[in-house]
Amino acid sequence: AGFRVLFEARWIHRPAGPPAVAPEL
């Protein structure tokens, strides 16, 4: 159909829950 691949990536997932590192902002 006249397309080329622009880029490839991966879906990502993180379970619900607090971050391991507290934010500074």
PDBML (XML) file of the C-alpha atoms, coordinates in Angstrom:
<?xml version="1.0" encoding="UTF-8" ?>
<PDBx:datablock datablockName="MODEL"
   xmlns:PDBx="http://pdbml.pdb.org/schema/pdbx-v50.xsd"
   xmlns:xsi="http://www.w3.org/2001/XMLSchema-instance"
   xsi:schemaLocation="http://pdbml.pdb.org/schema/pdbx-v50.xsd pdbx-v50.xsd">
   <PDBx:atom_siteCategory>
      <PDBx:atom_site id="1">
         <PDBx:B_iso_or_equiv>0.00</PDBx:B_iso_or_equiv>
         <PDBx:Cartn_x>0.000</PDBx:Cartn_x>
         <PDBx:Cartn_y>0.000</PDBx:Cartn_y>
         <PDBx:Cartn_z>0.000</PDBx:Cartn_z>
         <PDBx:auth_asym_id>A</PDBx:auth_asym_id>
         <PDBx:auth_atom_id>CA</PDBx:auth_atom_id>
         <PDBx:auth_comp_id>ALA</PDBx:auth_comp_id>
         <PDBx:auth_seq_id>1</PDBx:auth_seq_id>
         <PDBx:group_PDB>ATOM</PDBx:group_PDB>
         <PDBx:label_alt_id xsi:nil="true" />
         <PDBx:label_asym_id>A</PDBx:label_asym_id>
         <PDBx:label_atom_id>CA</PDBx:label_atom_id>
         <PDBx:label_comp_id>ALA</PDBx:label_comp_id>
         <PDBx:label_entity_id>1</PDBx:label_entity_id>
         <PDBx:label_seq_id>1</PDBx:label_seq_id>
         <PDBx:occupancy>1.00</PDBx:occupancy>
         <PDBx:pdbx_PDB_model_num>1</PDBx:pdbx_PDB_model_num>
         <PDBx:type_symbol>C</PDBx:type_symbol>
      </PDBx:atom_site>
      <PDBx:atom_site id="2">
         <PDBx:B_iso_or_equiv>0.00</PDBx:B_iso_or_equiv>
         <PDBx:Cartn_x>3.056</PDBx:Cartn_x>
         <PDBx:Cartn_y>2.293</PDBx:Cartn_y>
         <PDBx:Cartn_z>-0.198</PDBx:Cartn_z>
         <PDBx:auth_asym_id>A</PDBx:auth_asym_id>
         <PDBx:auth_atom_id>CA</PDBx:auth_atom_id>
         <PDBx:auth_comp_id>GLY</PDBx:auth_comp_id>
         <PDBx:auth_seq_id>2</PDBx:auth_seq_id>
         <PDBx:group_PDB>ATOM</PDBx:group_PDB>
         <PDBx:label_alt_id xsi:nil="true" />
         <PDBx:label_asym_id>A</PDBx:label_asym_id>
         <PDBx:label_atom_id>CA</PDBx:label_atom_id>
         <PDBx:label_comp_id>GLY</PDBx:label_comp_id>
         <PDBx:label_entity_id>1</PDBx:label_entity_id>
         <PDBx:label_seq_id>2</PDBx:label_seq_id>
         <PDBx:occupancy>1.00</PDBx:occupancy>
         <PDBx:pdbx_PDB_model_num>1</PDBx:pdbx_PDB_model_num>
         <PDBx:type_symbol>C</PDBx:type_symbol>
      </PDBx:atom_site>
      <PDBx:atom_site id="3">
         <PDBx:B_iso_or_equiv>0.00</PDBx:B_iso_or_equiv>
         <PDBx:Cartn_x>4.058</PDBx:Cartn_x>
         <PDBx:Cartn_y>2.323</PDBx:Cartn_y>
         <PDBx:Cartn_z>3.475</PDBx:Cartn_z>
         <PDBx:auth_asym_id>A</PDBx:auth_asym_id>
         <PDBx:auth_atom_id>CA</PDBx:auth_atom_id>
         <PDBx:auth_comp_id>PHE</PDBx:auth_comp_id>
         <PDBx:auth_seq_id>3</PDBx:auth_seq_id>
         <PDBx:group_PDB>ATOM</PDBx:group_PDB>
         <PDBx:label_alt_id xsi:nil="true" />
         <PDBx:label_asym_id>A</PDBx:label_asym_id>
         <PDBx:label_atom_id>CA</PDBx:label_atom_id>
         <PDBx:label_comp_id>PHE</PDBx:label_comp_id>
         <PDBx:label_entity_id>1</PDBx:label_entity_id>
         <PDBx:label_seq_id>3</PDBx:label_seq_id>
         <PDBx:occupancy>1.00</PDBx:occupancy>
         <PDBx:pdbx_PDB_model_num>1</PDBx:pdbx_PDB_model_num>
         <PDBx:type_symbol>C</PDBx:type_symbol>
      </PDBx:atom_site>
      <PDBx:atom_site id="4">
         <PDBx:B_iso_or_equiv>0.00</PDBx:B_iso_or_equiv>
         <PDBx:Cartn_x>7.415</PDBx:Cartn_x>
         <PDBx:Cartn_y>1.851</PDBx:Cartn_y>
         <PDBx:Cartn_z>5.152</PDBx:Cartn_z>
         <PDBx:auth_asym_id>A</PDBx:auth_asym_id>
         <PDBx:auth_atom_id>CA</PDBx:auth_atom_id>
         <PDBx:auth_comp_id>ARG</PDBx:auth_comp_id>
         <PDBx:auth_seq_id>4</PDBx:auth_seq_id>
         <PDBx:group_PDB>ATOM</PDBx:group_PDB>
         <PDBx:label_alt_id xsi:nil="true" />
         <PDBx:label_asym_id>A</PDBx:label_asym_id>
         <PDBx:label_atom_id>CA</PDBx:label_atom_id>
         <PDBx:label_comp_id>ARG</PDBx:label_comp_id>
         <PDBx:label_entity_id>1</PDBx:label_entity_id>
         <PDBx:label_seq_id>4</PDBx:label_seq_id>
         <PDBx:occupancy>1.00</PDBx:occupancy>
         <PDBx:pdbx_PDB_model_num>1</PDBx:pdbx_PDB_model_num>
         <PDBx:type_symbol>C</PDBx:type_symbol>
      </PDBx:atom_site>
      <PDBx:atom_site id="5">
         <PDBx:B_iso_or_equiv>0.00</PDBx:B_iso_or_equiv>
         <PDBx:Cartn_x>8.192</PDBx:Cartn_x>
         <PDBx:Cartn_y>1.192</PDBx:Cartn_y>
         <PDBx:Cartn_z>8.807</PDBx:Cartn_z>
         <PDBx:auth_asym_id>A</PDBx:auth_asym_id>
         <PDBx:auth_atom_id>CA</PDBx:auth_atom_id>
         <PDBx:auth_comp_id>VAL</PDBx:auth_comp_id>
         <PDBx:auth_seq_id>5</PDBx:auth_seq_id>
         <PDBx:group_PDB>ATOM</PDBx:group_PDB>
         <PDBx:label_alt_id xsi:nil="true" />
         <PDBx:label_asym_id>A</PDBx:label_asym_id>
         <PDBx:label_atom_id>CA</PDBx:label_atom_id>
         <PDBx:label_comp_id>VAL</PDBx:label_comp_id>
         <PDBx:label_entity_id>1</PDBx:label_entity_id>
         <PDBx:label_seq_id>5</PDBx:label_seq_id>
         <PDBx:occupancy>1.00</PDBx:occupancy>
         <PDBx:pdbx_PDB_model_num>1</PDBx:pdbx_PDB_model_num>
         <PDBx:type_symbol>C</PDBx:type_symbol>
      </PDBx:atom_site>
      <PDBx:atom_site id="6">
         <PDBx:B_iso_or_equiv>0.00</PDBx:B_iso_or_equiv>
         <PDBx:Cartn_x>8.852</PDBx:Cartn_x>
         <PDBx:Cartn_y>4.500</PDBx:Cartn_y>
         <PDBx:Cartn_z>10.577</PDBx:Cartn_z>
         <PDBx:auth_asym_id>A</PDBx:auth_asym_id>
         <PDBx:auth_atom_id>CA</PDBx:auth_atom_id>
         <PDBx:auth_comp_id>LEU</PDBx:auth_comp_id>
         <PDBx:auth_seq_id>6</PDBx:auth_seq_id>
         <PDBx:group_PDB>ATOM</PDBx:group_PDB>
         <PDBx:label_alt_id xsi:nil="true" />
         <PDBx:label_asym_id>A</PDBx:label_asym_id>
         <PDBx:label_atom_id>CA</PDBx:label_atom_id>
         <PDBx:label_comp_id>LEU</PDBx:label_comp_id>
         <PDBx:label_entity_id>1</PDBx:label_entity_id>
         <PDBx:label_seq_id>6</PDBx:label_seq_id>
         <PDBx:occupancy>1.00</PDBx:occupancy>
         <PDBx:pdbx_PDB_model_num>1</PDBx:pdbx_PDB_model_num>
         <PDBx:type_symbol>C</PDBx:type_symbol>
      </PDBx:atom_site>
      <PDBx:atom_site id="7">
         <PDBx:B_iso_or_equiv>0.00</PDBx:B_iso_or_equiv>
         <PDBx:Cartn_x>9.819</PDBx:Cartn_x>
         <PDBx:Cartn_y>2.997</PDBx:Cartn_y>
         <PDBx:Cartn_z>13.926</PDBx:Cartn_z>
         <PDBx:auth_asym_id>A</PDBx:auth_asym_id>
         <PDBx:auth_atom_id>CA</PDBx:auth_atom_id>
         <PDBx:auth_comp_id>PHE</PDBx:auth_comp_id>
         <PDBx:auth_seq_id>7</PDBx:auth_seq_id>
         <PDBx:group_PDB>ATOM</PDBx:group_PDB>
         <PDBx:label_alt_id xsi:nil="true" />
         <PDBx:label_asym_id>A</PDBx:label_asym_id>
         <PDBx:label_atom_id>CA</PDBx:label_atom_id>
         <PDBx:label_comp_id>PHE</PDBx:label_comp_id>
         <PDBx:label_entity_id>1</PDBx:label_entity_id>
         <PDBx:label_seq_id>7</PDBx:label_seq_id>
         <PDBx:occupancy>1.00</PDBx:occupancy>
         <PDBx:pdbx_PDB_model_num>1</PDBx:pdbx_PDB_model_num>
         <PDBx:type_symbol>C</PDBx:type_symbol>
      </PDBx:atom_site>
      <PDBx:atom_site id="8">
         <PDBx:B_iso_or_equiv>0.00</PDBx:B_iso_or_equiv>
         <PDBx:Cartn_x>9.310</PDBx:Cartn_x>
         <PDBx:Cartn_y>-0.007</PDBx:Cartn_y>
         <PDBx:Cartn_z>16.181</PDBx:Cartn_z>
         <PDBx:auth_asym_id>A</PDBx:auth_asym_id>
         <PDBx:auth_atom_id>CA</PDBx:auth_atom_id>
         <PDBx:auth_comp_id>GLU</PDBx:auth_comp_id>
         <PDBx:auth_seq_id>8</PDBx:auth_seq_id>
         <PDBx:group_PDB>ATOM</PDBx:group_PDB>
         <PDBx:label_alt_id xsi:nil="true" />
         <PDBx:label_asym_id>A</PDBx:label_asym_id>
         <PDBx:label_atom_id>CA</PDBx:label_atom_id>
         <PDBx:label_comp_id>GLU</PDBx:label_comp_id>
         <PDBx:label_entity_id>1</PDBx:label_entity_id>
         <PDBx:label_seq_id>8</PDBx:label_seq_id>
         <PDBx:occupancy>1.00</PDBx:occupancy>
         <PDBx:pdbx_PDB_model_num>1</PDBx:pdbx_PDB_model_num>
         <PDBx:type_symbol>C</PDBx:type_symbol>
      </PDBx:atom_site>
      <PDBx:atom_site id="9">
         <PDBx:B_iso_or_equiv>0.00</PDBx:B_iso_or_equiv>
         <PDBx:Cartn_x>8.617</PDBx:Cartn_x>
         <PDBx:Cartn_y>-0.001</PDBx:Cartn_y>
         <PDBx:Cartn_z>19.921</PDBx:Cartn_z>
         <PDBx:auth_asym_id>A</PDBx:auth_asym_id>
         <PDBx:auth_atom_id>CA</PDBx:auth_atom_id>
         <PDBx:auth_comp_id>ALA</PDBx:auth_comp_id>
         <PDBx:auth_seq_id>9</PDBx:auth_seq_id>
         <PDBx:group_PDB>ATOM</PDBx:group_PDB>
         <PDBx:label_alt_id xsi:nil="true" />
         <PDBx:label_asym_id>A</PDBx:label_asym_id>
         <PDBx:label_atom_id>CA</PDBx:label_atom_id>
         <PDBx:label_comp_id>ALA</PDBx:label_comp_id>
         <PDBx:label_entity_id>1</PDBx:label_entity_id>
         <PDBx:label_seq_id>9</PDBx:label_seq_id>
         <PDBx:occupancy>1.00</PDBx:occupancy>
         <PDBx:pdbx_PDB_model_num>1</PDBx:pdbx_PDB_model_num>
         <PDBx:type_symbol>C</PDBx:type_symbol>
      </PDBx:atom_site>
      <PDBx:atom_site id="10">
         <PDBx:B_iso_or_equiv>0.00</PDBx:B_iso_or_equiv>
         <PDBx:Cartn_x>7.363</PDBx:Cartn_x>
         <PDBx:Cartn_y>-2.160</PDBx:Cartn_y>
         <PDBx:Cartn_z>22.766</PDBx:Cartn_z>
         <PDBx:auth_asym_id>A</PDBx:auth_asym_id>
         <PDBx:auth_atom_id>CA</PDBx:auth_atom_id>
         <PDBx:auth_comp_id>ARG</PDBx:auth_comp_id>
         <PDBx:auth_seq_id>10</PDBx:auth_seq_id>
         <PDBx:group_PDB>ATOM</PDBx:group_PDB>
         <PDBx:label_alt_id xsi:nil="true" />
         <PDBx:label_asym_id>A</PDBx:label_asym_id>
         <PDBx:label_atom_id>CA</PDBx:label_atom_id>
         <PDBx:label_comp_id>ARG</PDBx:label_comp_id>
         <PDBx:label_entity_id>1</PDBx:label_entity_id>
         <PDBx:label_seq_id>10</PDBx:label_seq_id>
         <PDBx:occupancy>1.00</PDBx:occupancy>
         <PDBx:pdbx_PDB_model_num>1</PDBx:pdbx_PDB_model_num>
         <PDBx:type_symbol>C</PDBx:type_symbol>
      </PDBx:atom_site>
      <PDBx:atom_site id="11">
         <PDBx:B_iso_or_equiv>0.00</PDBx:B_iso_or_equiv>
         <PDBx:Cartn_x>4.251</PDBx:Cartn_x>
         <PDBx:Cartn_y>-1.913</PDBx:Cartn_y>
         <PDBx:Cartn_z>24.851</PDBx:Cartn_z>
         <PDBx:auth_asym_id>A</PDBx:auth_asym_id>
         <PDBx:auth_atom_id>CA</PDBx:auth_atom_id>
         <PDBx:auth_comp_id>TRP</PDBx:auth_comp_id>
         <PDBx:auth_seq_id>11</PDBx:auth_seq_id>
         <PDBx:group_PDB>ATOM</PDBx:group_PDB>
         <PDBx:label_alt_id xsi:nil="true" />
         <PDBx:label_asym_id>A</PDBx:label_asym_id>
         <PDBx:label_atom_id>CA</PDBx:label_atom_id>
         <PDBx:label_comp_id>TRP</PDBx:label_comp_id>
         <PDBx:label_entity_id>1</PDBx:label_entity_id>
         <PDBx:label_seq_id>11</PDBx:label_seq_id>
         <PDBx:occupancy>1.00</PDBx:occupancy>
         <PDBx:pdbx_PDB_model_num>1</PDBx:pdbx_PDB_model_num>
         <PDBx:type_symbol>C</PDBx:type_symbol>
      </PDBx:atom_site>
      <PDBx:atom_site id="12">
         <PDBx:B_iso_or_equiv>0.00</PDBx:B_iso_or_equiv>
         <PDBx:Cartn_x>5.092</PDBx:Cartn_x>
         <PDBx:Cartn_y>-1.580</PDBx:Cartn_y>
         <PDBx:Cartn_z>28.548</PDBx:Cartn_z>
         <PDBx:auth_asym_id>A</PDBx:auth_asym_id>
         <PDBx:auth_atom_id>CA</PDBx:auth_atom_id>
         <PDBx:auth_comp_id>ILE</PDBx:auth_comp_id>
         <PDBx:auth_seq_id>12</PDBx:auth_seq_id>
         <PDBx:group_PDB>ATOM</PDBx:group_PDB>
         <PDBx:label_alt_id xsi:nil="true" />
         <PDBx:label_asym_id>A</PDBx:label_asym_id>
         <PDBx:label_atom_id>CA</PDBx:label_atom_id>
         <PDBx:label_comp_id>ILE</PDBx:label_comp_id>
         <PDBx:label_entity_id>1</PDBx:label_entity_id>
         <PDBx:label_seq_id>12</PDBx:label_seq_id>
         <PDBx:occupancy>1.00</PDBx:occupancy>
         <PDBx:pdbx_PDB_model_num>1</PDBx:pdbx_PDB_model_num>
         <PDBx:type_symbol>C</PDBx:type_symbol>
      </PDBx:atom_site>
      <PDBx:atom_site id="13">
         <PDBx:B_iso_or_equiv>0.00</PDBx:B_iso_or_equiv>
         <PDBx:Cartn_x>3.219</PDBx:Cartn_x>
         <PDBx:Cartn_y>-2.442</PDBx:Cartn_y>
         <PDBx:Cartn_z>31.740</PDBx:Cartn_z>
         <PDBx:auth_asym_id>A</PDBx:auth_asym_id>
         <PDBx:auth_atom_id>CA</PDBx:auth_atom_id>
         <PDBx:auth_comp_id>HIS</PDBx:auth_comp_id>
         <PDBx:auth_seq_id>13</PDBx:auth_seq_id>
         <PDBx:group_PDB>ATOM</PDBx:group_PDB>
         <PDBx:label_alt_id xsi:nil="true" />
         <PDBx:label_asym_id>A</PDBx:label_asym_id>
         <PDBx:label_atom_id>CA</PDBx:label_atom_id>
         <PDBx:label_comp_id>HIS</PDBx:label_comp_id>
         <PDBx:label_entity_id>1</PDBx:label_entity_id>
         <PDBx:label_seq_id>13</PDBx:label_seq_id>
         <PDBx:occupancy>1.00</PDBx:occupancy>
         <PDBx:pdbx_PDB_model_num>1</PDBx:pdbx_PDB_model_num>
         <PDBx:type_symbol>C</PDBx:type_symbol>
      </PDBx:atom_site>
      <PDBx:atom_site id="14">
         <PDBx:B_iso_or_equiv>0.00</PDBx:B_iso_or_equiv>
         <PDBx:Cartn_x>3.562</PDBx:Cartn_x>
         <PDBx:Cartn_y>-1.767</PDBx:Cartn_y>
         <PDBx:Cartn_z>35.438</PDBx:Cartn_z>
         <PDBx:auth_asym_id>A</PDBx:auth_asym_id>
         <PDBx:auth_atom_id>CA</PDBx:auth_atom_id>
         <PDBx:auth_comp_id>ARG</PDBx:auth_comp_id>
         <PDBx:auth_seq_id>14</PDBx:auth_seq_id>
         <PDBx:group_PDB>ATOM</PDBx:group_PDB>
         <PDBx:label_alt_id xsi:nil="true" />
         <PDBx:label_asym_id>A</PDBx:label_asym_id>
         <PDBx:label_atom_id>CA</PDBx:label_atom_id>
         <PDBx:label_comp_id>ARG</PDBx:label_comp_id>
         <PDBx:label_entity_id>1</PDBx:label_entity_id>
         <PDBx:label_seq_id>14</PDBx:label_seq_id>
         <PDBx:occupancy>1.00</PDBx:occupancy>
         <PDBx:pdbx_PDB_model_num>1</PDBx:pdbx_PDB_model_num>
         <PDBx:type_symbol>C</PDBx:type_symbol>
      </PDBx:atom_site>
      <PDBx:atom_site id="15">
         <PDBx:B_iso_or_equiv>0.00</PDBx:B_iso_or_equiv>
         <PDBx:Cartn_x>1.174</PDBx:Cartn_x>
         <PDBx:Cartn_y>-3.215</PDBx:Cartn_y>
         <PDBx:Cartn_z>38.045</PDBx:Cartn_z>
         <PDBx:auth_asym_id>A</PDBx:auth_asym_id>
         <PDBx:auth_atom_id>CA</PDBx:auth_atom_id>
         <PDBx:auth_comp_id>PRO</PDBx:auth_comp_id>
         <PDBx:auth_seq_id>15</PDBx:auth_seq_id>
         <PDBx:group_PDB>ATOM</PDBx:group_PDB>
         <PDBx:label_alt_id xsi:nil="true" />
         <PDBx:label_asym_id>A</PDBx:label_asym_id>
         <PDBx:label_atom_id>CA</PDBx:label_atom_id>
         <PDBx:label_comp_id>PRO</PDBx:label_comp_id>
         <PDBx:label_entity_id>1</PDBx:label_entity_id>
         <PDBx:label_seq_id>15</PDBx:label_seq_id>
         <PDBx:occupancy>1.00</PDBx:occupancy>
         <PDBx:pdbx_PDB_model_num>1</PDBx:pdbx_PDB_model_num>
         <PDBx:type_symbol>C</PDBx:type_symbol>
      </PDBx:atom_site>
      <PDBx:atom_site id="16">
         <PDBx:B_iso_or_equiv>0.00</PDBx:B_iso_or_equiv>
         <PDBx:Cartn_x>-0.849</PDBx:Cartn_x>
         <PDBx:Cartn_y>-0.836</PDBx:Cartn_y>
         <PDBx:Cartn_z>40.192</PDBx:Cartn_z>
         <PDBx:auth_asym_id>A</PDBx:auth_asym_id>
         <PDBx:auth_atom_id>CA</PDBx:auth_atom_id>
         <PDBx:auth_comp_id>ALA</PDBx:auth_comp_id>
         <PDBx:auth_seq_id>16</PDBx:auth_seq_id>
         <PDBx:group_PDB>ATOM</PDBx:group_PDB>
         <PDBx:label_alt_id xsi:nil="true" />
         <PDBx:label_asym_id>A</PDBx:label_asym_id>
         <PDBx:label_atom_id>CA</PDBx:label_atom_id>
         <PDBx:label_comp_id>ALA</PDBx:label_comp_id>
         <PDBx:label_entity_id>1</PDBx:label_entity_id>
         <PDBx:label_seq_id>16</PDBx:label_seq_id>
         <PDBx:occupancy>1.00</PDBx:occupancy>
         <PDBx:pdbx_PDB_model_num>1</PDBx:pdbx_PDB_model_num>
         <PDBx:type_symbol>C</PDBx:type_symbol>
      </PDBx:atom_site>
      <PDBx:atom_site id="17">
         <PDBx:B_iso_or_equiv>0.00</PDBx:B_iso_or_equiv>
         <PDBx:Cartn_x>1.078</PDBx:Cartn_x>
         <PDBx:Cartn_y>0.352</PDBx:Cartn_y>
         <PDBx:Cartn_z>43.230</PDBx:Cartn_z>
         <PDBx:auth_asym_id>A</PDBx:auth_asym_id>
         <PDBx:auth_atom_id>CA</PDBx:auth_atom_id>
         <PDBx:auth_comp_id>GLY</PDBx:auth_comp_id>
         <PDBx:auth_seq_id>17</PDBx:auth_seq_id>
         <PDBx:group_PDB>ATOM</PDBx:group_PDB>
         <PDBx:label_alt_id xsi:nil="true" />
         <PDBx:label_asym_id>A</PDBx:label_asym_id>
         <PDBx:label_atom_id>CA</PDBx:label_atom_id>
         <PDBx:label_comp_id>GLY</PDBx:label_comp_id>
         <PDBx:label_entity_id>1</PDBx:label_entity_id>
         <PDBx:label_seq_id>17</PDBx:label_seq_id>
         <PDBx:occupancy>1.00</PDBx:occupancy>
         <PDBx:pdbx_PDB_model_num>1</PDBx:pdbx_PDB_model_num>
         <PDBx:type_symbol>C</PDBx:type_symbol>
      </PDBx:atom_site>
      <PDBx:atom_site id="18">
         <PDBx:B_iso_or_equiv>0.00</PDBx:B_iso_or_equiv>
         <PDBx:Cartn_x>3.257</PDBx:Cartn_x>
         <PDBx:Cartn_y>3.150</PDBx:Cartn_y>
         <PDBx:Cartn_z>44.612</PDBx:Cartn_z>
         <PDBx:auth_asym_id>A</PDBx:auth_asym_id>
         <PDBx:auth_atom_id>CA</PDBx:auth_atom_id>
         <PDBx:auth_comp_id>PRO</PDBx:auth_comp_id>
         <PDBx:auth_seq_id>18</PDBx:auth_seq_id>
         <PDBx:group_PDB>ATOM</PDBx:group_PDB>
         <PDBx:label_alt_id xsi:nil="true" />
         <PDBx:label_asym_id>A</PDBx:label_asym_id>
         <PDBx:label_atom_id>CA</PDBx:label_atom_id>
         <PDBx:label_comp_id>PRO</PDBx:label_comp_id>
         <PDBx:label_entity_id>1</PDBx:label_entity_id>
         <PDBx:label_seq_id>18</PDBx:label_seq_id>
         <PDBx:occupancy>1.00</PDBx:occupancy>
         <PDBx:pdbx_PDB_model_num>1</PDBx:pdbx_PDB_model_num>
         <PDBx:type_symbol>C</PDBx:type_symbol>
      </PDBx:atom_site>
      <PDBx:atom_site id="19">
         <PDBx:B_iso_or_equiv>0.00</PDBx:B_iso_or_equiv>
         <PDBx:Cartn_x>6.629</PDBx:Cartn_x>
         <PDBx:Cartn_y>4.008</PDBx:Cartn_y>
         <PDBx:Cartn_z>43.043</PDBx:Cartn_z>
         <PDBx:auth_asym_id>A</PDBx:auth_asym_id>
         <PDBx:auth_atom_id>CA</PDBx:auth_atom_id>
         <PDBx:auth_comp_id>PRO</PDBx:auth_comp_id>
         <PDBx:auth_seq_id>19</PDBx:auth_seq_id>
         <PDBx:group_PDB>ATOM</PDBx:group_PDB>
         <PDBx:label_alt_id xsi:nil="true" />
         <PDBx:label_asym_id>A</PDBx:label_asym_id>
         <PDBx:label_atom_id>CA</PDBx:label_atom_id>
         <PDBx:label_comp_id>PRO</PDBx:label_comp_id>
         <PDBx:label_entity_id>1</PDBx:label_entity_id>
         <PDBx:label_seq_id>19</PDBx:label_seq_id>
         <PDBx:occupancy>1.00</PDBx:occupancy>
         <PDBx:pdbx_PDB_model_num>1</PDBx:pdbx_PDB_model_num>
         <PDBx:type_symbol>C</PDBx:type_symbol>
      </PDBx:atom_site>
      <PDBx:atom_site id="20">
         <PDBx:B_iso_or_equiv>0.00</PDBx:B_iso_or_equiv>
         <PDBx:Cartn_x>9.749</PDBx:Cartn_x>
         <PDBx:Cartn_y>2.478</PDBx:Cartn_y>
         <PDBx:Cartn_z>44.504</PDBx:Cartn_z>
         <PDBx:auth_asym_id>A</PDBx:auth_asym_id>
         <PDBx:auth_atom_id>CA</PDBx:auth_atom_id>
         <PDBx:auth_comp_id>ALA</PDBx:auth_comp_id>
         <PDBx:auth_seq_id>20</PDBx:auth_seq_id>
         <PDBx:group_PDB>ATOM</PDBx:group_PDB>
         <PDBx:label_alt_id xsi:nil="true" />
         <PDBx:label_asym_id>A</PDBx:label_asym_id>
         <PDBx:label_atom_id>CA</PDBx:label_atom_id>
         <PDBx:label_comp_id>ALA</PDBx:label_comp_id>
         <PDBx:label_entity_id>1</PDBx:label_entity_id>
         <PDBx:label_seq_id>20</PDBx:label_seq_id>
         <PDBx:occupancy>1.00</PDBx:occupancy>
         <PDBx:pdbx_PDB_model_num>1</PDBx:pdbx_PDB_model_num>
         <PDBx:type_symbol>C</PDBx:type_symbol>
      </PDBx:atom_site>
      <PDBx:atom_site id="21">
         <PDBx:B_iso_or_equiv>0.00</PDBx:B_iso_or_equiv>
         <PDBx:Cartn_x>11.402</PDBx:Cartn_x>
         <PDBx:Cartn_y>5.927</PDBx:Cartn_y>
         <PDBx:Cartn_z>44.599</PDBx:Cartn_z>
         <PDBx:auth_asym_id>A</PDBx:auth_asym_id>
         <PDBx:auth_atom_id>CA</PDBx:auth_atom_id>
         <PDBx:auth_comp_id>VAL</PDBx:auth_comp_id>
         <PDBx:auth_seq_id>21</PDBx:auth_seq_id>
         <PDBx:group_PDB>ATOM</PDBx:group_PDB>
         <PDBx:label_alt_id xsi:nil="true" />
         <PDBx:label_asym_id>A</PDBx:label_asym_id>
         <PDBx:label_atom_id>CA</PDBx:label_atom_id>
         <PDBx:label_comp_id>VAL</PDBx:label_comp_id>
         <PDBx:label_entity_id>1</PDBx:label_entity_id>
         <PDBx:label_seq_id>21</PDBx:label_seq_id>
         <PDBx:occupancy>1.00</PDBx:occupancy>
         <PDBx:pdbx_PDB_model_num>1</PDBx:pdbx_PDB_model_num>
         <PDBx:type_symbol>C</PDBx:type_symbol>
      </PDBx:atom_site>
      <PDBx:atom_site id="22">
         <PDBx:B_iso_or_equiv>0.00</PDBx:B_iso_or_equiv>
         <PDBx:Cartn_x>9.714</PDBx:Cartn_x>
         <PDBx:Cartn_y>8.987</PDBx:Cartn_y>
         <PDBx:Cartn_z>46.106</PDBx:Cartn_z>
         <PDBx:auth_asym_id>A</PDBx:auth_asym_id>
         <PDBx:auth_atom_id>CA</PDBx:auth_atom_id>
         <PDBx:auth_comp_id>ALA</PDBx:auth_comp_id>
         <PDBx:auth_seq_id>22</PDBx:auth_seq_id>
         <PDBx:group_PDB>ATOM</PDBx:group_PDB>
         <PDBx:label_alt_id xsi:nil="true" />
         <PDBx:label_asym_id>A</PDBx:label_asym_id>
         <PDBx:label_atom_id>CA</PDBx:label_atom_id>
         <PDBx:label_comp_id>ALA</PDBx:label_comp_id>
         <PDBx:label_entity_id>1</PDBx:label_entity_id>
         <PDBx:label_seq_id>22</PDBx:label_seq_id>
         <PDBx:occupancy>1.00</PDBx:occupancy>
         <PDBx:pdbx_PDB_model_num>1</PDBx:pdbx_PDB_model_num>
         <PDBx:type_symbol>C</PDBx:type_symbol>
      </PDBx:atom_site>
      <PDBx:atom_site id="23">
         <PDBx:B_iso_or_equiv>0.00</PDBx:B_iso_or_equiv>
         <PDBx:Cartn_x>9.439</PDBx:Cartn_x>
         <PDBx:Cartn_y>11.974</PDBx:Cartn_y>
         <PDBx:Cartn_z>43.750</PDBx:Cartn_z>
         <PDBx:auth_asym_id>A</PDBx:auth_asym_id>
         <PDBx:auth_atom_id>CA</PDBx:auth_atom_id>
         <PDBx:auth_comp_id>PRO</PDBx:auth_comp_id>
         <PDBx:auth_seq_id>23</PDBx:auth_seq_id>
         <PDBx:group_PDB>ATOM</PDBx:group_PDB>
         <PDBx:label_alt_id xsi:nil="true" />
         <PDBx:label_asym_id>A</PDBx:label_asym_id>
         <PDBx:label_atom_id>CA</PDBx:label_atom_id>
         <PDBx:label_comp_id>PRO</PDBx:label_comp_id>
         <PDBx:label_entity_id>1</PDBx:label_entity_id>
         <PDBx:label_seq_id>23</PDBx:label_seq_id>
         <PDBx:occupancy>1.00</PDBx:occupancy>
         <PDBx:pdbx_PDB_model_num>1</PDBx:pdbx_PDB_model_num>
         <PDBx:type_symbol>C</PDBx:type_symbol>
      </PDBx:atom_site>
      <PDBx:atom_site id="24">
         <PDBx:B_iso_or_equiv>0.00</PDBx:B_iso_or_equiv>
         <PDBx:Cartn_x>11.484</PDBx:Cartn_x>
         <PDBx:Cartn_y>15.080</PDBx:Cartn_y>
         <PDBx:Cartn_z>44.383</PDBx:Cartn_z>
         <PDBx:auth_asym_id>A</PDBx:auth_asym_id>
         <PDBx:auth_atom_id>CA</PDBx:auth_atom_id>
         <PDBx:auth_comp_id>GLU</PDBx:auth_comp_id>
         <PDBx:auth_seq_id>24</PDBx:auth_seq_id>
         <PDBx:group_PDB>ATOM</PDBx:group_PDB>
         <PDBx:label_alt_id xsi:nil="true" />
         <PDBx:label_asym_id>A</PDBx:label_asym_id>
         <PDBx:label_atom_id>CA</PDBx:label_atom_id>
         <PDBx:label_comp_id>GLU</PDBx:label_comp_id>
         <PDBx:label_entity_id>1</PDBx:label_entity_id>
         <PDBx:label_seq_id>24</PDBx:label_seq_id>
         <PDBx:occupancy>1.00</PDBx:occupancy>
         <PDBx:pdbx_PDB_model_num>1</PDBx:pdbx_PDB_model_num>
         <PDBx:type_symbol>C</PDBx:type_symbol>
      </PDBx:atom_site>
      <PDBx:atom_site id="25">
         <PDBx:B_iso_or_equiv>0.00</PDBx:B_iso_or_equiv>
         <PDBx:Cartn_x>9.043</PDBx:Cartn_x>
         <PDBx:Cartn_y>17.410</PDBx:Cartn_y>
         <PDBx:Cartn_z>42.601</PDBx:Cartn_z>
         <PDBx:auth_asym_id>A</PDBx:auth_asym_id>
         <PDBx:auth_atom_id>CA</PDBx:auth_atom_id>
         <PDBx:auth_comp_id>LEU</PDBx:auth_comp_id>
         <PDBx:auth_seq_id>25</PDBx:auth_seq_id>
         <PDBx:group_PDB>ATOM</PDBx:group_PDB>
         <PDBx:label_alt_id xsi:nil="true" />
         <PDBx:label_asym_id>A</PDBx:label_asym_id>
         <PDBx:label_atom_id>CA</PDBx:label_atom_id>
         <PDBx:label_comp_id>LEU</PDBx:label_comp_id>
         <PDBx:label_entity_id>1</PDBx:label_entity_id>
         <PDBx:label_seq_id>25</PDBx:label_seq_id>
         <PDBx:occupancy>1.00</PDBx:occupancy>
         <PDBx:pdbx_PDB_model_num>1</PDBx:pdbx_PDB_model_num>
         <PDBx:type_symbol>C</PDBx:type_symbol>
      </PDBx:atom_site>
   </PDBx:atom_siteCategory>
</PDBx:datablock>
